[in-house]
N, C-alpha and C. Protein backbone atom coordinates (compact mmCIF):
# COMPACT_ATOMS: atom_id res chain seq x y z
N UNK A 1 5.74 -10.41 108.10
CA UNK A 1 5.92 -9.22 107.29
C UNK A 1 7.07 -9.42 106.30
N UNK A 2 8.17 -10.06 106.77
CA UNK A 2 9.31 -10.29 105.89
C UNK A 2 8.95 -11.15 104.70
N UNK A 3 7.96 -12.05 104.89
CA UNK A 3 7.56 -12.93 103.79
C UNK A 3 6.89 -12.16 102.66
N UNK A 4 6.25 -11.04 102.96
CA UNK A 4 5.53 -10.27 101.95
C UNK A 4 6.46 -9.38 101.11
N UNK A 5 7.65 -9.07 101.64
CA UNK A 5 8.52 -8.12 100.93
C UNK A 5 8.92 -8.65 99.55
N UNK A 6 9.39 -9.92 99.41
CA UNK A 6 9.75 -10.41 98.07
C UNK A 6 8.57 -10.41 97.11
N UNK A 7 7.35 -10.73 97.63
CA UNK A 7 6.16 -10.77 96.78
C UNK A 7 5.85 -9.39 96.25
N UNK A 8 5.85 -8.38 97.13
CA UNK A 8 5.57 -7.01 96.71
C UNK A 8 6.61 -6.53 95.71
N UNK A 9 7.86 -6.86 95.94
CA UNK A 9 8.93 -6.44 95.03
C UNK A 9 8.74 -7.03 93.63
N UNK A 10 8.31 -8.31 93.61
CA UNK A 10 8.07 -8.97 92.32
C UNK A 10 6.92 -8.31 91.57
N UNK A 11 5.84 -7.94 92.29
CA UNK A 11 4.70 -7.28 91.66
C UNK A 11 5.09 -5.94 91.07
N UNK A 12 5.93 -5.20 91.79
CA UNK A 12 6.38 -3.90 91.28
C UNK A 12 7.19 -4.06 90.00
N UNK A 13 8.04 -5.06 89.92
CA UNK A 13 8.82 -5.30 88.71
C UNK A 13 7.93 -5.62 87.52
N UNK A 14 6.91 -6.43 87.75
CA UNK A 14 6.00 -6.81 86.66
C UNK A 14 5.23 -5.61 86.16
N UNK A 15 4.75 -4.76 87.05
CA UNK A 15 3.92 -3.62 86.64
C UNK A 15 4.73 -2.57 85.91
N UNK A 16 6.04 -2.44 86.20
CA UNK A 16 6.86 -1.41 85.55
C UNK A 16 7.38 -1.89 84.20
N UNK A 17 7.86 -3.13 84.15
CA UNK A 17 8.43 -3.61 82.90
C UNK A 17 7.36 -4.17 82.00
N UNK A 18 6.73 -5.21 82.46
CA UNK A 18 5.68 -5.85 81.67
C UNK A 18 6.25 -6.48 80.42
N UNK A 19 5.36 -7.04 79.62
CA UNK A 19 5.77 -7.64 78.36
C UNK A 19 5.85 -6.57 77.29
N UNK A 20 6.81 -6.71 76.39
CA UNK A 20 6.94 -5.78 75.27
C UNK A 20 5.79 -6.00 74.31
N UNK A 21 5.12 -4.91 73.85
CA UNK A 21 4.00 -5.08 72.92
C UNK A 21 4.45 -5.82 71.67
N UNK A 22 3.53 -6.54 71.07
CA UNK A 22 3.84 -7.29 69.86
C UNK A 22 4.22 -6.33 68.75
N UNK A 23 5.16 -6.73 67.87
CA UNK A 23 5.54 -5.86 66.76
C UNK A 23 4.35 -5.54 65.88
N UNK A 24 4.35 -4.31 65.32
CA UNK A 24 3.27 -3.86 64.43
C UNK A 24 3.45 -4.53 63.08
N UNK A 25 2.51 -5.36 62.64
CA UNK A 25 2.69 -6.07 61.38
C UNK A 25 2.46 -5.19 60.17
N UNK A 26 1.84 -4.00 60.37
CA UNK A 26 1.53 -3.14 59.23
C UNK A 26 0.31 -3.65 58.49
N UNK A 27 0.08 -3.07 57.31
CA UNK A 27 -1.05 -3.45 56.47
C UNK A 27 -0.55 -3.65 55.05
N UNK A 28 -1.31 -4.35 54.18
CA UNK A 28 -0.87 -4.53 52.80
C UNK A 28 -0.57 -3.20 52.15
N UNK A 29 0.59 -3.09 51.53
CA UNK A 29 1.00 -1.87 50.89
C UNK A 29 1.59 -0.86 51.84
N UNK A 30 1.49 -1.10 53.17
CA UNK A 30 2.04 -0.18 54.15
C UNK A 30 2.54 -0.97 55.35
N UNK A 31 3.57 -1.79 55.16
CA UNK A 31 4.02 -2.70 56.22
C UNK A 31 4.61 -1.95 57.39
N UNK A 32 4.55 -2.55 58.56
CA UNK A 32 5.12 -1.93 59.75
C UNK A 32 6.62 -2.13 59.80
N UNK A 33 7.21 -1.62 60.86
CA UNK A 33 8.66 -1.67 60.99
C UNK A 33 9.13 -2.84 61.83
N UNK A 34 8.19 -3.51 62.49
CA UNK A 34 8.60 -4.54 63.44
C UNK A 34 8.67 -3.97 64.83
N UNK A 35 8.48 -2.66 64.98
CA UNK A 35 8.45 -2.03 66.29
C UNK A 35 7.06 -1.48 66.52
N UNK A 36 6.53 -1.53 67.73
CA UNK A 36 5.17 -1.09 67.98
C UNK A 36 4.98 0.38 67.68
N UNK A 37 3.81 0.68 67.04
CA UNK A 37 3.43 2.06 66.84
C UNK A 37 4.20 2.76 65.74
N UNK A 38 4.88 2.02 64.84
CA UNK A 38 5.64 2.67 63.79
C UNK A 38 5.29 2.09 62.44
N UNK A 39 4.01 1.95 62.17
CA UNK A 39 3.58 1.40 60.89
C UNK A 39 4.03 2.30 59.76
N UNK A 40 4.41 1.68 58.63
CA UNK A 40 4.77 2.44 57.45
C UNK A 40 6.23 2.80 57.37
N UNK A 41 7.06 2.39 58.34
CA UNK A 41 8.48 2.71 58.30
C UNK A 41 9.22 1.78 57.37
N UNK A 42 10.56 1.80 57.45
CA UNK A 42 11.35 0.95 56.58
C UNK A 42 11.11 -0.52 56.94
N UNK A 43 11.16 -1.36 55.93
CA UNK A 43 10.93 -2.77 56.13
C UNK A 43 11.87 -3.57 55.26
N UNK A 44 12.11 -4.79 55.62
CA UNK A 44 12.98 -5.62 54.82
C UNK A 44 12.21 -6.33 53.71
N UNK A 45 10.89 -6.20 53.71
CA UNK A 45 10.09 -6.84 52.68
C UNK A 45 8.86 -6.00 52.39
N UNK A 46 8.60 -5.73 51.11
CA UNK A 46 7.45 -4.93 50.71
C UNK A 46 6.31 -5.86 50.33
N UNK A 47 5.14 -5.62 50.89
CA UNK A 47 3.96 -6.43 50.58
C UNK A 47 3.30 -5.88 49.33
N UNK A 48 3.39 -6.63 48.24
CA UNK A 48 2.82 -6.20 46.97
C UNK A 48 1.56 -6.98 46.61
N UNK A 49 1.01 -7.71 47.56
CA UNK A 49 -0.12 -8.59 47.25
C UNK A 49 -1.30 -7.78 46.75
N UNK A 50 -2.06 -8.41 45.85
CA UNK A 50 -3.28 -7.80 45.37
C UNK A 50 -3.11 -7.06 44.06
N UNK A 51 -4.18 -6.36 43.67
CA UNK A 51 -4.24 -5.65 42.39
C UNK A 51 -4.11 -4.15 42.61
N UNK A 52 -3.43 -3.48 41.67
CA UNK A 52 -3.16 -2.05 41.77
C UNK A 52 -3.52 -1.36 40.46
N UNK A 53 -4.08 -0.15 40.56
CA UNK A 53 -4.45 0.65 39.38
C UNK A 53 -3.47 1.80 39.19
N UNK A 54 -3.02 2.00 37.96
CA UNK A 54 -2.13 3.11 37.66
C UNK A 54 -2.87 4.44 37.80
N UNK A 55 -2.26 5.40 38.50
CA UNK A 55 -2.86 6.73 38.62
C UNK A 55 -2.00 7.82 38.00
N UNK A 56 -0.72 7.51 37.69
CA UNK A 56 0.12 8.56 37.11
C UNK A 56 1.39 7.99 36.49
N UNK A 57 1.75 8.58 35.33
CA UNK A 57 3.09 8.44 34.77
C UNK A 57 3.84 9.69 35.22
N UNK A 58 4.88 9.54 36.00
CA UNK A 58 5.61 10.71 36.49
C UNK A 58 7.00 10.72 35.87
N UNK A 59 7.29 11.80 35.14
CA UNK A 59 8.60 11.92 34.50
C UNK A 59 9.52 12.87 35.25
N UNK A 60 8.94 13.82 35.99
CA UNK A 60 9.77 14.77 36.73
C UNK A 60 8.98 15.31 37.92
N UNK A 61 9.20 14.72 39.10
CA UNK A 61 8.43 15.14 40.27
C UNK A 61 8.91 16.47 40.84
N UNK A 62 10.03 17.00 40.31
CA UNK A 62 10.51 18.30 40.77
C UNK A 62 10.00 19.44 39.90
N UNK A 63 9.17 19.11 38.90
CA UNK A 63 8.66 20.15 38.00
C UNK A 63 7.83 21.18 38.76
N UNK A 64 7.92 22.43 38.32
CA UNK A 64 7.13 23.51 38.91
C UNK A 64 6.10 23.94 37.87
N UNK A 65 4.94 23.28 37.86
CA UNK A 65 4.00 23.47 36.75
C UNK A 65 3.38 24.87 36.68
N UNK A 66 3.13 25.30 35.44
CA UNK A 66 2.42 26.56 35.18
C UNK A 66 0.93 26.23 35.15
N UNK A 67 0.24 26.47 36.27
CA UNK A 67 -1.16 26.05 36.41
C UNK A 67 -2.05 26.73 35.37
N UNK A 68 -1.79 28.00 35.07
CA UNK A 68 -2.63 28.73 34.11
C UNK A 68 -2.48 28.13 32.72
N UNK A 69 -1.25 27.89 32.30
CA UNK A 69 -1.01 27.32 30.98
C UNK A 69 -1.59 25.93 30.86
N UNK A 70 -1.45 25.12 31.93
CA UNK A 70 -2.01 23.77 31.92
C UNK A 70 -3.52 23.81 31.79
N UNK A 71 -4.17 24.76 32.49
CA UNK A 71 -5.63 24.89 32.41
C UNK A 71 -6.05 25.28 30.98
N UNK A 72 -5.28 26.13 30.34
CA UNK A 72 -5.59 26.52 28.96
C UNK A 72 -5.49 25.33 28.01
N UNK A 73 -4.44 24.53 28.19
CA UNK A 73 -4.27 23.35 27.34
C UNK A 73 -5.37 22.33 27.60
N UNK A 74 -5.75 22.15 28.86
CA UNK A 74 -6.82 21.21 29.20
C UNK A 74 -8.14 21.65 28.61
N UNK A 75 -8.37 22.97 28.58
CA UNK A 75 -9.60 23.50 27.98
C UNK A 75 -9.64 23.17 26.49
N UNK A 76 -8.50 23.26 25.82
CA UNK A 76 -8.45 22.91 24.40
C UNK A 76 -8.78 21.43 24.20
N UNK A 77 -8.26 20.59 25.07
CA UNK A 77 -8.56 19.15 25.00
C UNK A 77 -10.05 18.91 25.20
N UNK A 78 -10.62 19.55 26.20
CA UNK A 78 -12.05 19.38 26.49
C UNK A 78 -12.90 19.81 25.30
N UNK A 79 -12.52 20.91 24.65
CA UNK A 79 -13.27 21.42 23.49
C UNK A 79 -13.21 20.44 22.33
N UNK A 80 -12.02 19.86 22.09
CA UNK A 80 -11.89 18.90 20.99
C UNK A 80 -12.69 17.64 21.28
N UNK A 81 -12.65 17.16 22.51
CA UNK A 81 -13.40 15.96 22.87
C UNK A 81 -14.90 16.20 22.77
N UNK A 82 -15.37 17.40 23.15
CA UNK A 82 -16.79 17.74 23.01
C UNK A 82 -17.18 17.77 21.54
N UNK A 83 -16.31 18.29 20.70
CA UNK A 83 -16.56 18.34 19.26
C UNK A 83 -16.65 16.93 18.67
N UNK A 84 -15.75 16.06 19.10
CA UNK A 84 -15.75 14.69 18.57
C UNK A 84 -17.00 13.92 18.93
N UNK A 85 -17.62 14.27 20.06
CA UNK A 85 -18.83 13.55 20.47
C UNK A 85 -20.03 13.85 19.58
N UNK A 86 -20.00 14.97 18.86
CA UNK A 86 -21.17 15.35 18.05
C UNK A 86 -20.85 15.42 16.56
N UNK A 87 -19.58 15.51 16.21
CA UNK A 87 -19.21 15.70 14.80
C UNK A 87 -19.22 14.38 14.04
N UNK A 88 -19.49 14.48 12.74
CA UNK A 88 -19.38 13.32 11.86
C UNK A 88 -18.16 13.54 10.98
N UNK A 89 -17.11 12.80 11.27
CA UNK A 89 -15.84 13.00 10.59
C UNK A 89 -15.41 11.76 9.85
N UNK A 90 -14.58 11.96 8.86
CA UNK A 90 -13.95 10.82 8.20
C UNK A 90 -12.93 10.23 9.19
N UNK A 91 -12.54 9.01 8.93
CA UNK A 91 -11.56 8.37 9.80
C UNK A 91 -10.27 9.17 9.85
N UNK A 92 -9.89 9.71 8.71
CA UNK A 92 -8.64 10.50 8.66
C UNK A 92 -8.75 11.76 9.53
N UNK A 93 -9.89 12.46 9.42
CA UNK A 93 -10.09 13.67 10.22
C UNK A 93 -10.17 13.35 11.71
N UNK A 94 -10.80 12.21 12.02
CA UNK A 94 -10.90 11.79 13.42
C UNK A 94 -9.52 11.52 14.01
N UNK A 95 -8.67 10.85 13.25
CA UNK A 95 -7.32 10.56 13.72
C UNK A 95 -6.50 11.83 13.89
N UNK A 96 -6.75 12.82 13.03
CA UNK A 96 -6.05 14.10 13.17
C UNK A 96 -6.42 14.79 14.48
N UNK A 97 -7.70 14.70 14.85
CA UNK A 97 -8.14 15.30 16.11
C UNK A 97 -7.53 14.56 17.31
N UNK A 98 -7.45 13.23 17.19
CA UNK A 98 -6.82 12.47 18.26
C UNK A 98 -5.34 12.85 18.40
N UNK A 99 -4.70 13.11 17.28
CA UNK A 99 -3.30 13.52 17.32
C UNK A 99 -3.16 14.89 17.98
N UNK A 100 -4.12 15.77 17.75
CA UNK A 100 -4.11 17.08 18.41
C UNK A 100 -4.21 16.91 19.93
N UNK A 101 -5.10 16.03 20.34
CA UNK A 101 -5.27 15.77 21.78
C UNK A 101 -3.97 15.21 22.36
N UNK A 102 -3.37 14.26 21.65
CA UNK A 102 -2.12 13.65 22.13
C UNK A 102 -1.03 14.72 22.28
N UNK A 103 -0.95 15.63 21.32
CA UNK A 103 0.05 16.69 21.38
C UNK A 103 -0.20 17.61 22.58
N UNK A 104 -1.45 17.96 22.82
CA UNK A 104 -1.78 18.81 23.96
C UNK A 104 -1.48 18.11 25.28
N UNK A 105 -1.81 16.82 25.35
CA UNK A 105 -1.52 16.05 26.57
C UNK A 105 -0.02 15.97 26.83
N UNK A 106 0.75 15.85 25.75
CA UNK A 106 2.20 15.81 25.91
C UNK A 106 2.73 17.14 26.44
N UNK A 107 2.14 18.24 25.97
CA UNK A 107 2.54 19.55 26.47
C UNK A 107 2.24 19.68 27.97
N UNK A 108 1.07 19.17 28.37
CA UNK A 108 0.72 19.19 29.80
C UNK A 108 1.70 18.35 30.60
N UNK A 109 2.03 17.17 30.07
CA UNK A 109 2.97 16.29 30.77
C UNK A 109 4.34 16.94 30.90
N UNK A 110 4.77 17.64 29.85
CA UNK A 110 6.07 18.31 29.89
C UNK A 110 6.07 19.44 30.92
N UNK A 111 4.94 20.14 31.05
CA UNK A 111 4.85 21.25 31.99
C UNK A 111 4.72 20.78 33.43
N UNK A 112 3.97 19.71 33.63
CA UNK A 112 3.66 19.27 34.99
C UNK A 112 4.58 18.17 35.50
N UNK A 113 5.24 17.47 34.57
CA UNK A 113 6.06 16.33 34.97
C UNK A 113 5.23 15.09 35.26
N UNK A 114 3.91 15.18 35.07
CA UNK A 114 3.01 14.06 35.37
C UNK A 114 1.96 13.93 34.29
N UNK A 115 1.68 12.69 33.92
CA UNK A 115 0.61 12.43 32.95
C UNK A 115 -0.37 11.43 33.58
N UNK A 116 -1.62 11.82 33.66
CA UNK A 116 -2.65 10.90 34.16
C UNK A 116 -3.03 9.92 33.06
N UNK A 117 -3.22 8.67 33.38
CA UNK A 117 -3.60 7.70 32.35
C UNK A 117 -5.04 7.89 31.90
N UNK A 118 -5.31 7.54 30.65
CA UNK A 118 -6.68 7.55 30.17
C UNK A 118 -7.31 6.20 30.51
N UNK A 119 -8.64 6.15 30.51
CA UNK A 119 -9.34 4.92 30.86
C UNK A 119 -9.55 4.06 29.62
N UNK A 120 -9.52 2.74 29.79
CA UNK A 120 -9.27 2.00 31.02
C UNK A 120 -7.81 2.07 31.43
N UNK A 121 -7.56 2.32 32.72
CA UNK A 121 -6.20 2.52 33.19
C UNK A 121 -5.46 1.18 33.27
N UNK A 122 -4.15 1.20 33.06
CA UNK A 122 -3.36 -0.02 33.23
C UNK A 122 -3.40 -0.51 34.67
N UNK A 123 -3.27 -1.81 34.83
CA UNK A 123 -3.30 -2.42 36.16
C UNK A 123 -2.15 -3.41 36.31
N UNK A 124 -1.86 -3.74 37.56
CA UNK A 124 -0.86 -4.76 37.85
C UNK A 124 -1.36 -5.62 39.00
N UNK A 125 -1.25 -6.93 38.83
CA UNK A 125 -1.66 -7.88 39.85
C UNK A 125 -0.43 -8.72 40.22
N UNK A 126 -0.05 -8.66 41.49
CA UNK A 126 1.06 -9.46 41.98
C UNK A 126 0.51 -10.79 42.47
N UNK A 127 0.79 -11.84 41.71
CA UNK A 127 0.23 -13.15 42.02
C UNK A 127 1.17 -13.96 42.89
N UNK A 128 0.94 -15.28 42.94
CA UNK A 128 1.79 -16.16 43.75
C UNK A 128 3.24 -16.15 43.26
N UNK A 129 4.16 -16.29 44.20
CA UNK A 129 5.57 -16.31 43.83
C UNK A 129 5.98 -14.99 43.20
N UNK A 130 6.57 -15.06 42.01
CA UNK A 130 7.03 -13.86 41.31
C UNK A 130 6.16 -13.54 40.10
N UNK A 131 4.99 -14.18 39.99
CA UNK A 131 4.13 -13.95 38.83
C UNK A 131 3.44 -12.59 38.92
N UNK A 132 3.31 -11.94 37.79
CA UNK A 132 2.60 -10.66 37.69
C UNK A 132 1.80 -10.64 36.40
N UNK A 133 0.69 -9.90 36.44
CA UNK A 133 -0.15 -9.79 35.26
C UNK A 133 -1.00 -8.54 35.40
N UNK A 134 -1.83 -8.30 34.41
CA UNK A 134 -2.72 -7.14 34.49
C UNK A 134 -3.25 -6.76 33.14
N UNK A 135 -3.87 -5.59 33.08
CA UNK A 135 -4.38 -5.02 31.85
C UNK A 135 -3.50 -3.84 31.48
N UNK A 136 -3.00 -3.81 30.26
CA UNK A 136 -2.10 -2.73 29.85
C UNK A 136 -2.86 -1.52 29.33
N UNK A 137 -4.17 -1.61 29.26
CA UNK A 137 -5.15 -0.59 28.82
C UNK A 137 -6.14 -1.23 27.87
N UNK A 138 -5.60 -1.99 26.92
CA UNK A 138 -6.45 -2.70 25.96
C UNK A 138 -6.14 -4.19 26.00
N UNK A 139 -4.86 -4.52 25.97
CA UNK A 139 -4.43 -5.91 26.00
C UNK A 139 -4.08 -6.37 27.40
N UNK A 140 -4.20 -7.68 27.61
CA UNK A 140 -3.79 -8.30 28.87
C UNK A 140 -2.31 -8.62 28.80
N UNK A 141 -1.58 -8.41 29.90
CA UNK A 141 -0.15 -8.70 29.92
C UNK A 141 0.18 -9.64 31.07
N UNK A 142 1.30 -10.32 30.97
CA UNK A 142 1.79 -11.14 32.08
C UNK A 142 3.30 -11.25 32.00
N UNK A 143 3.89 -11.49 33.16
CA UNK A 143 5.34 -11.57 33.25
C UNK A 143 5.71 -12.26 34.55
N UNK A 144 6.96 -12.63 34.68
CA UNK A 144 7.52 -13.10 35.95
C UNK A 144 8.62 -12.13 36.37
N UNK A 145 8.57 -11.72 37.64
CA UNK A 145 9.63 -10.85 38.13
C UNK A 145 10.91 -11.66 38.32
N UNK A 146 12.03 -10.97 38.15
CA UNK A 146 13.33 -11.60 38.37
C UNK A 146 13.70 -11.51 39.84
N UNK A 147 14.50 -12.44 40.31
CA UNK A 147 15.04 -12.37 41.66
C UNK A 147 16.01 -11.18 41.74
N UNK A 148 15.92 -10.40 42.83
CA UNK A 148 16.81 -9.25 43.01
C UNK A 148 17.47 -9.34 44.38
N UNK A 149 18.60 -8.65 44.53
CA UNK A 149 19.37 -8.75 45.77
C UNK A 149 18.93 -7.75 46.84
N UNK A 150 18.30 -6.65 46.45
CA UNK A 150 17.93 -5.61 47.41
C UNK A 150 16.47 -5.75 47.82
N UNK A 151 16.11 -5.39 49.08
CA UNK A 151 14.73 -5.55 49.56
C UNK A 151 13.69 -4.79 48.73
N UNK A 152 14.05 -3.58 48.23
CA UNK A 152 13.09 -2.80 47.48
C UNK A 152 13.35 -2.85 45.98
N UNK A 153 14.25 -3.73 45.55
CA UNK A 153 14.53 -3.85 44.13
C UNK A 153 13.42 -4.60 43.40
N UNK A 154 13.26 -4.31 42.12
CA UNK A 154 12.26 -5.02 41.32
C UNK A 154 12.76 -5.08 39.88
N UNK A 155 12.44 -6.16 39.21
CA UNK A 155 12.85 -6.34 37.82
C UNK A 155 11.88 -7.30 37.16
N UNK A 156 11.39 -6.91 36.00
CA UNK A 156 10.43 -7.74 35.27
C UNK A 156 11.14 -8.49 34.15
N UNK A 157 10.76 -9.75 33.99
CA UNK A 157 11.26 -10.53 32.87
C UNK A 157 10.52 -10.15 31.60
N UNK A 158 10.56 -11.04 30.62
CA UNK A 158 9.87 -10.78 29.36
C UNK A 158 8.37 -10.56 29.61
N UNK A 159 7.81 -9.56 28.95
CA UNK A 159 6.40 -9.21 29.14
C UNK A 159 5.61 -9.64 27.91
N UNK A 160 4.66 -10.53 28.11
CA UNK A 160 3.83 -11.03 27.02
C UNK A 160 2.51 -10.26 26.99
N UNK A 161 2.05 -9.94 25.79
CA UNK A 161 0.79 -9.21 25.60
C UNK A 161 -0.10 -9.94 24.62
N UNK A 162 -1.42 -9.88 24.86
CA UNK A 162 -2.35 -10.34 23.84
C UNK A 162 -2.29 -9.37 22.66
N UNK A 163 -2.96 -9.69 21.59
CA UNK A 163 -2.81 -8.91 20.35
C UNK A 163 -4.15 -8.37 19.85
N UNK A 164 -4.88 -7.71 20.73
CA UNK A 164 -6.15 -7.10 20.32
C UNK A 164 -5.89 -5.84 19.50
N UNK A 165 -6.85 -5.53 18.62
CA UNK A 165 -6.80 -4.27 17.87
C UNK A 165 -7.35 -3.17 18.78
N UNK A 166 -6.53 -2.15 19.04
CA UNK A 166 -6.89 -1.15 20.04
C UNK A 166 -6.96 0.25 19.45
N UNK A 167 -7.63 1.12 20.15
CA UNK A 167 -7.66 2.54 19.80
C UNK A 167 -6.22 3.08 19.80
N UNK A 168 -5.86 3.94 18.85
CA UNK A 168 -4.48 4.45 18.79
C UNK A 168 -4.00 5.09 20.10
N UNK A 169 -4.89 5.80 20.79
CA UNK A 169 -4.50 6.44 22.05
C UNK A 169 -4.16 5.40 23.11
N UNK A 170 -4.93 4.31 23.13
CA UNK A 170 -4.65 3.23 24.08
C UNK A 170 -3.38 2.49 23.71
N UNK A 171 -3.14 2.35 22.40
CA UNK A 171 -1.89 1.72 21.97
C UNK A 171 -0.68 2.48 22.48
N UNK A 172 -0.74 3.81 22.38
CA UNK A 172 0.38 4.64 22.85
C UNK A 172 0.55 4.51 24.35
N UNK A 173 -0.58 4.48 25.06
CA UNK A 173 -0.49 4.34 26.51
C UNK A 173 0.08 2.97 26.90
N UNK A 174 -0.35 1.93 26.21
CA UNK A 174 0.18 0.59 26.47
C UNK A 174 1.69 0.53 26.29
N UNK A 175 2.15 1.13 25.19
CA UNK A 175 3.59 1.15 24.92
C UNK A 175 4.34 1.88 26.03
N UNK A 176 3.81 3.01 26.45
CA UNK A 176 4.44 3.80 27.52
C UNK A 176 4.47 2.99 28.82
N UNK A 177 3.37 2.32 29.12
CA UNK A 177 3.27 1.53 30.35
C UNK A 177 4.24 0.36 30.35
N UNK A 178 4.24 -0.41 29.27
CA UNK A 178 5.09 -1.59 29.20
C UNK A 178 6.57 -1.20 29.25
N UNK A 179 6.93 -0.12 28.55
CA UNK A 179 8.32 0.33 28.59
C UNK A 179 8.72 0.77 30.00
N UNK A 180 7.77 1.37 30.73
CA UNK A 180 8.07 1.78 32.10
C UNK A 180 8.23 0.57 33.02
N UNK A 181 7.44 -0.48 32.80
CA UNK A 181 7.62 -1.71 33.57
C UNK A 181 9.00 -2.31 33.32
N UNK A 182 9.41 -2.33 32.05
CA UNK A 182 10.71 -2.90 31.70
C UNK A 182 11.85 -2.11 32.34
N UNK A 183 11.63 -0.80 32.52
CA UNK A 183 12.69 0.07 33.05
C UNK A 183 12.73 0.10 34.57
N UNK A 184 11.71 -0.46 35.24
CA UNK A 184 11.63 -0.37 36.70
C UNK A 184 12.78 -1.12 37.38
N UNK A 185 13.38 -0.46 38.38
CA UNK A 185 14.47 -1.09 39.14
C UNK A 185 14.21 -1.03 40.65
N UNK A 186 13.21 -0.27 41.06
CA UNK A 186 12.93 -0.12 42.49
C UNK A 186 11.43 -0.03 42.71
N UNK A 187 10.96 -0.61 43.82
CA UNK A 187 9.57 -0.49 44.23
C UNK A 187 9.54 0.20 45.58
N UNK A 188 8.79 1.29 45.67
CA UNK A 188 8.75 2.08 46.90
C UNK A 188 7.32 2.25 47.36
N UNK A 189 7.08 2.03 48.64
CA UNK A 189 5.76 2.25 49.23
C UNK A 189 5.68 3.67 49.77
N UNK A 190 4.67 4.42 49.34
CA UNK A 190 4.45 5.79 49.82
C UNK A 190 3.01 5.88 50.32
N UNK A 191 2.81 5.76 51.63
CA UNK A 191 1.46 5.74 52.17
C UNK A 191 0.72 4.52 51.67
N UNK A 192 -0.42 4.74 51.01
CA UNK A 192 -1.20 3.62 50.48
C UNK A 192 -0.90 3.39 49.00
N UNK A 193 0.18 3.97 48.49
CA UNK A 193 0.53 3.86 47.08
C UNK A 193 1.85 3.12 46.91
N UNK A 194 2.06 2.61 45.70
CA UNK A 194 3.37 2.07 45.37
C UNK A 194 3.88 2.78 44.13
N UNK A 195 5.20 2.90 44.05
CA UNK A 195 5.85 3.49 42.89
C UNK A 195 6.85 2.50 42.33
N UNK A 196 6.77 2.28 41.02
CA UNK A 196 7.77 1.49 40.31
C UNK A 196 8.70 2.47 39.62
N UNK A 197 9.93 2.55 40.11
CA UNK A 197 10.84 3.63 39.76
C UNK A 197 11.94 3.14 38.83
N UNK A 198 12.22 3.94 37.80
CA UNK A 198 13.29 3.62 36.85
C UNK A 198 14.59 4.27 37.30
N UNK A 199 15.69 3.93 36.62
CA UNK A 199 17.00 4.47 36.98
C UNK A 199 17.07 5.98 36.80
N UNK A 200 16.25 6.56 35.89
CA UNK A 200 16.26 8.01 35.68
C UNK A 200 15.30 8.74 36.62
N UNK A 201 14.74 7.99 37.61
CA UNK A 201 13.82 8.52 38.63
C UNK A 201 12.42 8.81 38.12
N UNK A 202 12.11 8.51 36.87
CA UNK A 202 10.71 8.53 36.43
C UNK A 202 10.03 7.32 37.07
N UNK A 203 8.72 7.38 37.21
CA UNK A 203 8.07 6.24 37.86
C UNK A 203 6.58 6.13 37.51
N UNK A 204 6.06 4.94 37.75
CA UNK A 204 4.63 4.66 37.67
C UNK A 204 4.10 4.67 39.10
N UNK A 205 2.96 5.33 39.31
CA UNK A 205 2.37 5.36 40.65
C UNK A 205 1.01 4.66 40.63
N UNK A 206 0.79 3.80 41.63
CA UNK A 206 -0.41 2.98 41.69
C UNK A 206 -1.13 3.14 43.03
N UNK A 207 -2.45 2.96 42.98
CA UNK A 207 -3.28 2.81 44.17
C UNK A 207 -3.90 1.42 44.16
N UNK A 208 -4.23 0.86 45.33
CA UNK A 208 -4.92 -0.43 45.33
C UNK A 208 -6.23 -0.36 44.54
N UNK A 209 -6.50 -1.41 43.79
CA UNK A 209 -7.76 -1.46 43.04
C UNK A 209 -8.94 -1.42 44.00
N UNK A 210 -9.88 -0.53 43.72
CA UNK A 210 -11.06 -0.42 44.58
C UNK A 210 -11.91 -1.67 44.44
N UNK A 211 -12.47 -2.18 45.54
CA UNK A 211 -13.32 -3.37 45.44
C UNK A 211 -14.58 -3.07 44.63
N UNK A 212 -15.03 -4.06 43.89
CA UNK A 212 -16.24 -3.89 43.09
C UNK A 212 -17.45 -4.02 44.00
N UNK A 213 -18.28 -3.00 44.02
CA UNK A 213 -19.46 -3.04 44.87
C UNK A 213 -20.63 -3.72 44.17
N UNK A 214 -21.32 -4.62 44.85
CA UNK A 214 -22.46 -5.28 44.19
C UNK A 214 -23.54 -4.28 43.87
N UNK A 215 -24.19 -4.46 42.72
CA UNK A 215 -25.25 -3.54 42.29
C UNK A 215 -26.56 -3.87 42.99
């Protein structure tokens, strides 16, 4: 009987303590903490692999938007776009209508603190090492990120763009996008999204690029 006591005691220790579960590795864009069951917490390294689509230019996330006024402005935009689809205008008149749309969109952005990108939306692809590239809306861009000292810090080097002739609205969006990339100082993971944040707390928000489904 005495011989069995050490064996039973050893079995009880194993069943109570056991091995510690393996750390949670997290998922791309939502890394784990290194502790089991705590995916998405703070991490010493952000996984930026893959391609991301821009979903918002955010200038003021604390804005308290006037939903009624925004709906009225959006209705005006929709009416002008419907008119442009059927009207035969001179180039000058067409550009004037585009300027009206741009002005209305700016008013919405000022009220809401957020501007949704027009299509084709800008993209960013984090390649090997510190290489980055993507579509700025019309032109293709590429850059190399700079080395930074903080885990969530980010900084882009010189940004090169192709020189295609683009629609004026896309040109303005490209300029806004590229300037925001240049201003980015922090990369933050929020759920399945990433934010490239500037020193004034404005930011670009991205979602992972949806996979192309075969037809």
